[in-house]
């Protein structure tokens, strides 16, 4: 028989509306005696920084035009 153990975790945090941070870690242990007689272990980690400038520029454009409707002070 074979065994596979896989555990992982991920966290996401929005610093601002246009900037987020994410981190994840994953642990794997597998044993397939037909392929490899000894258990194999791996750990993977990642960090992601996501910047969405269109959200920043969209907000700045809406503010410059007088609000989200984009028609300034016109009724």
Protein backbone atom coordinates (compact mmCIF):
# COMPACT_ATOMS: atom_id res chain seq x y z
CA UNK A 1 0.00 0.00 0.00
CA UNK A 2 0.85 3.63 -0.31
CA UNK A 3 0.28 6.63 1.93
CA UNK A 4 0.05 10.34 1.23
CA UNK A 5 -0.28 13.08 3.84
CA UNK A 6 -0.91 16.64 2.69
CA UNK A 7 -1.49 19.63 5.00
CA UNK A 8 -1.61 23.29 4.03
CA UNK A 9 -2.60 26.74 5.23
CA UNK A 10 -3.13 30.08 3.52
CA UNK A 11 -3.73 33.60 4.80
CA UNK A 12 -4.85 36.70 2.91
CA UNK A 13 -4.73 40.27 4.19
CA UNK A 14 -5.91 43.41 2.41
CA UNK A 15 -3.61 46.26 3.46
CA UNK A 16 -5.53 48.82 1.36
CA UNK A 17 -8.28 48.49 -1.27
CA UNK A 18 -5.60 48.26 -3.98
CA UNK A 19 -2.94 46.19 -2.10
CA UNK A 20 -3.09 42.71 -0.59
CA UNK A 21 -0.63 40.25 0.92
CA UNK A 22 -1.00 36.47 0.86
CA UNK A 23 1.13 33.71 2.35
CA UNK A 24 0.82 29.95 2.20
CA UNK A 25 2.67 26.87 3.39
CA UNK A 26 2.15 23.22 2.47
CA UNK A 27 3.64 20.02 3.86
CA UNK A 28 3.56 16.67 2.06
CA UNK A 29 4.72 13.24 3.09
CA UNK A 30 4.37 10.27 0.83
CA UNK A 31 5.42 6.65 0.81
CA UNK A 32 5.06 4.50 -2.29
CA UNK A 33 7.31 1.49 -1.63
CA UNK A 34 7.15 0.38 -5.27
CA UNK A 35 8.63 3.73 -6.41
CA UNK A 36 10.71 4.80 -3.40
CA UNK A 37 11.41 2.59 -0.37
CA UNK A 38 11.86 5.51 2.06
CA UNK A 39 9.30 8.20 2.97
CA UNK A 40 9.67 11.47 1.07
CA UNK A 41 8.83 14.85 2.59
CA UNK A 42 8.44 18.27 1.00
CA UNK A 43 7.58 21.71 2.34
CA UNK A 44 6.52 24.53 0.04
CA UNK A 45 6.00 28.15 1.06
CA UNK A 46 4.96 31.19 -0.93
CA UNK A 47 4.39 34.91 -0.42
CA UNK A 48 2.34 37.03 -2.81
CA UNK A 49 2.03 40.80 -3.06
CA UNK A 50 -0.89 41.94 -5.22
CA UNK A 51 -1.11 45.56 -6.33
CA UNK A 52 -4.12 46.61 -8.41
CA UNK A 53 -3.41 50.13 -9.72
CA UNK A 54 -6.69 50.28 -11.67
CA UNK A 55 -8.54 50.47 -8.33
CA UNK A 56 -6.30 53.36 -7.24
CA UNK A 57 -6.64 55.22 -10.55
CA UNK A 58 -10.38 54.54 -10.81
CA UNK A 59 -10.94 56.05 -7.36
CA UNK A 60 -8.72 59.08 -8.16
CA UNK A 61 -10.59 59.69 -11.42
CA UNK A 62 -14.00 59.45 -9.71
CA UNK A 63 -12.87 61.88 -6.99
CA UNK A 64 -11.56 64.36 -9.58
CA UNK A 65 -14.87 64.26 -11.43
CA UNK A 66 -16.87 64.96 -8.30
CA UNK A 67 -17.85 61.53 -7.07
CA UNK A 68 -18.72 58.04 -8.24
CA UNK A 69 -21.38 59.23 -10.72
CA UNK A 70 -18.76 61.08 -12.77
CA UNK A 71 -20.99 64.09 -13.56
CA UNK A 72 -19.40 66.58 -11.16
CA UNK A 73 -21.87 68.87 -9.44
CA UNK A 74 -24.54 68.54 -12.15
CA UNK A 75 -27.89 67.13 -10.99
